[in-house]
C-alpha atoms as a PDB file:
ATOM      1  CA  MET A   1      44.618 -68.693 -18.265  1.00  0.00           C
ATOM      2  CA  ALA A   2      45.591 -65.119 -18.935  1.00  0.00           C
ATOM      3  CA  GLN A   3      43.201 -63.072 -20.947  1.00  0.00           C
ATOM      4  CA  ALA A   4      44.572 -60.766 -23.720  1.00  0.00           C
ATOM      5  CA  GLY A   5      46.149 -57.556 -21.959  1.00  0.00           C
ATOM      6  CA  GLN A   6      46.488 -59.224 -18.704  1.00  0.00           C
ATOM      7  CA  ARG A   7      49.505 -59.713 -16.330  1.00  0.00           C
ATOM      8  CA  MET A   8      50.438 -62.973 -15.448  1.00  0.00           C
ATOM      9  CA  SER A   9      53.424 -63.345 -12.516  1.00  0.00           C
ATOM     10  CA  VAL A  10      56.311 -65.863 -12.765  1.00  0.00           C
ATOM     11  CA  ARG A  11      54.637 -66.719  -9.165  1.00  0.00           C
ATOM     12  CA  THR A  12      51.434 -67.304 -10.944  1.00  0.00           C
ATOM     13  CA  SER A  13      52.345 -69.278 -13.790  1.00  0.00           C
ATOM     14  CA  ALA A  14      54.413 -71.702 -11.530  1.00  0.00           C
ATOM     15  CA  VAL A  15      51.651 -72.511  -9.424  1.00  0.00           C
ATOM     16  CA  ARG A  16      49.776 -73.543 -12.470  1.00  0.00           C
ATOM     17  CA  GLY A  17      52.413 -75.147 -13.432  1.00  0.00           C
ATOM     18  CA  ARG A  18      53.400 -76.991 -10.482  1.00  0.00           C
ATOM     19  CA  LEU A  19      57.026 -75.573  -9.944  1.00  0.00           C
ATOM     20  CA  SER A  20      58.379 -73.828  -7.543  1.00  0.00           C
ATOM     21  CA  GLY A  21      59.151 -69.964  -8.082  1.00  0.00           C
ATOM     22  CA  LEU A  22      62.411 -69.901  -8.751  1.00  0.00           C
ATOM     23  CA  ARG A  23      62.792 -73.314 -10.551  1.00  0.00           C
ATOM     24  CA  PRO A  24      61.200 -71.562 -13.948  1.00  0.00           C
ATOM     25  CA  MET A  25      63.426 -68.401 -12.995  1.00  0.00           C
ATOM     26  CA  LEU A  26      66.454 -70.560 -13.405  1.00  0.00           C
ATOM     27  CA  SER A  27      65.185 -72.739 -16.624  1.00  0.00           C
ATOM     28  CA  LEU A  28      64.560 -69.431 -18.310  1.00  0.00           C
ATOM     29  CA  VAL A  29      68.290 -67.989 -17.601  1.00  0.00           C
ATOM     30  CA  GLY A  30      69.484 -71.505 -18.131  1.00  0.00           C
ATOM     31  CA  SER A  31      68.040 -72.097 -21.485  1.00  0.00           C
ATOM     32  CA  PHE A  32      67.745 -68.741 -23.009  1.00  0.00           C
ATOM     33  CA  GLY A  33      71.344 -66.817 -21.464  1.00  0.00           C
ATOM     34  CA  MET A  34      69.088 -64.107 -20.074  1.00  0.00           C
ATOM     35  CA  SER A  35      66.994 -63.020 -17.250  1.00  0.00           C
ATOM     36  CA  PRO A  36      63.050 -63.753 -17.127  1.00  0.00           C
ATOM     37  CA  VAL A  37      63.219 -60.044 -17.461  1.00  0.00           C
ATOM     38  CA  HIS A  38      64.407 -59.352 -20.413  1.00  0.00           C
ATOM     39  CA  TYR A  39      63.113 -62.777 -22.091  1.00  0.00           C
ATOM     40  CA  LEU A  40      59.820 -61.166 -21.486  1.00  0.00           C
ATOM     41  CA  GLN A  41      60.848 -57.911 -22.980  1.00  0.00           C
ATOM     42  CA  TYR A  42      62.245 -59.931 -26.250  1.00  0.00           C
ATOM     43  CA  LEU A  43      59.039 -61.545 -26.358  1.00  0.00           C
ATOM     44  CA  ARG A  44      57.084 -58.167 -25.826  1.00  0.00           C
ATOM     45  CA  VAL A  45      58.947 -56.417 -28.784  1.00  0.00           C
ATOM     46  CA  GLY A  46      58.704 -59.382 -31.143  1.00  0.00           C
ATOM     47  CA  LYS A  47      54.876 -59.246 -30.808  1.00  0.00           C
ATOM     48  CA  ALA A  48      55.470 -55.462 -31.059  1.00  0.00           C
ATOM     49  CA  ARG A  49      57.197 -55.814 -34.055  1.00  0.00           C
ATOM     50  CA  GLU A  50      54.440 -57.795 -35.518  1.00  0.00           C
ATOM     51  CA  SER A  51      51.819 -54.963 -34.600  1.00  0.00           C
ATOM     52  CA  LEU A  52      53.922 -52.189 -36.237  1.00  0.00           C
ATOM     53  CA  GLU A  53      55.029 -53.729 -39.267  1.00  0.00           C
ATOM     54  CA  PHE A  54      50.939 -54.734 -40.254  1.00  0.00           C
ATOM     55  CA  SER A  55      48.735 -52.697 -38.324  1.00  0.00           C
ATOM     56  CA  ARG A  56      47.723 -49.097 -37.698  1.00  0.00           C
ATOM     57  CA  LEU A  57      47.534 -49.072 -34.541  1.00  0.00           C
ATOM     58  CA  SER A  58      49.266 -46.584 -32.268  1.00  0.00           C
ATOM     59  CA  VAL A  59      52.352 -46.784 -30.583  1.00  0.00           C
ATOM     60  CA  ASN A  60      50.586 -46.824 -27.497  1.00  0.00           C
ATOM     61  CA  GLU A  61      48.060 -48.776 -27.908  1.00  0.00           C
ATOM     62  CA  ILE A  62      50.538 -51.399 -29.448  1.00  0.00           C
ATOM     63  CA  ALA A  63      52.179 -50.861 -25.949  1.00  0.00           C
ATOM     64  CA  TRP A  64      49.652 -51.859 -23.761  1.00  0.00           C
ATOM     65  CA  ARG A  65      48.842 -54.655 -25.990  1.00  0.00           C
ATOM     66  CA  VAL A  66      51.986 -56.297 -25.317  1.00  0.00           C
ATOM     67  CA  GLY A  67      51.729 -55.809 -21.261  1.00  0.00           C
ATOM     68  CA  TYR A  68      53.337 -52.386 -20.843  1.00  0.00           C
ATOM     69  CA  GLN A  69      51.488 -50.320 -18.831  1.00  0.00           C
ATOM     70  CA  ASP A  70      54.128 -46.763 -19.724  1.00  0.00           C
ATOM     71  CA  PRO A  71      54.070 -46.400 -23.006  1.00  0.00           C
ATOM     72  CA  GLY A  72      57.506 -44.602 -22.459  1.00  0.00           C
ATOM     73  CA  SER A  73      58.968 -47.496 -21.088  1.00  0.00           C
ATOM     74  CA  PHE A  74      57.777 -49.614 -23.774  1.00  0.00           C
ATOM     75  CA  ARG A  75      59.587 -46.983 -26.534  1.00  0.00           C
ATOM     76  CA  LYS A  76      62.693 -47.295 -23.932  1.00  0.00           C
ATOM     77  CA  VAL A  77      62.777 -51.232 -24.159  1.00  0.00           C
ATOM     78  CA  PHE A  78      62.061 -51.174 -28.128  1.00  0.00           C
ATOM     79  CA  GLN A  79      65.004 -48.779 -28.780  1.00  0.00           C
ATOM     80  CA  ARG A  80      67.381 -50.931 -26.647  1.00  0.00           C
ATOM     81  CA  ILE A  81      66.220 -54.093 -28.135  1.00  0.00           C
ATOM     82  CA  MET A  82      65.795 -52.786 -32.111  1.00  0.00           C
ATOM     83  CA  GLY A  83      68.587 -50.216 -32.379  1.00  0.00           C
ATOM     84  CA  LEU A  84      65.264 -47.802 -33.837  1.00  0.00           C
ATOM     85  CA  SER A  85      62.203 -45.841 -32.109  1.00  0.00           C
ATOM     86  CA  PRO A  86      59.402 -48.099 -32.656  1.00  0.00           C
ATOM     87  CA  ARG A  87      57.633 -45.078 -35.017  1.00  0.00           C
ATOM     88  CA  HIS A  88      61.386 -45.346 -36.978  1.00  0.00           C
ATOM     89  CA  TYR A  89      60.740 -48.968 -37.071  1.00  0.00           C
ATOM     90  CA  ARG A  90      57.288 -49.082 -38.360  1.00  0.00           C
ATOM     91  CA  ARG A  91      58.710 -46.144 -40.988  1.00  0.00           C
ATOM     92  CA  ARG A  92      61.192 -48.434 -42.035  1.00  0.00           C
ATOM     93  CA  PHE A  93      59.151 -51.897 -41.897  1.00  0.00           C
ATOM     94  CA  GLY A  94      55.457 -51.635 -41.734  1.00  0.00           C
ATOM     95  CA  VAL A  95      53.546 -52.614 -44.541  1.00  0.00           C
ATOM     96  CA  ALA A  96      50.006 -51.639 -43.436  1.00  0.00           C
ATOM     97  CA  ARG A  97      49.716 -48.141 -45.026  1.00  0.00           C
ATOM     98  CA  ASP A  98      46.619 -45.794 -45.958  1.00  0.00           C
ATOM     99  CA  GLY A  99      45.047 -45.489 -49.318  1.00  0.00           C
END
């Protein structure tokens, strides 16, 4: 099983689940109406939202923890999906405050 912060490819997860590489991808596309890449982006943004709301971790640290090597890419995906930058999302919905 992959440890936190490690990446697992579709092929690796398919081998561990004894499925061909194509079958899980087709299953994701059919089940969720989106490509595996978009599904993974939505999962990562969901996890990032939790951290932005309930922690004081930096946006860069959150990006790394949810699987992005480039915080700039994370910010672009987050903005596209949520309609707010990670910083503005935290300002609006964050409950973890100094004090």
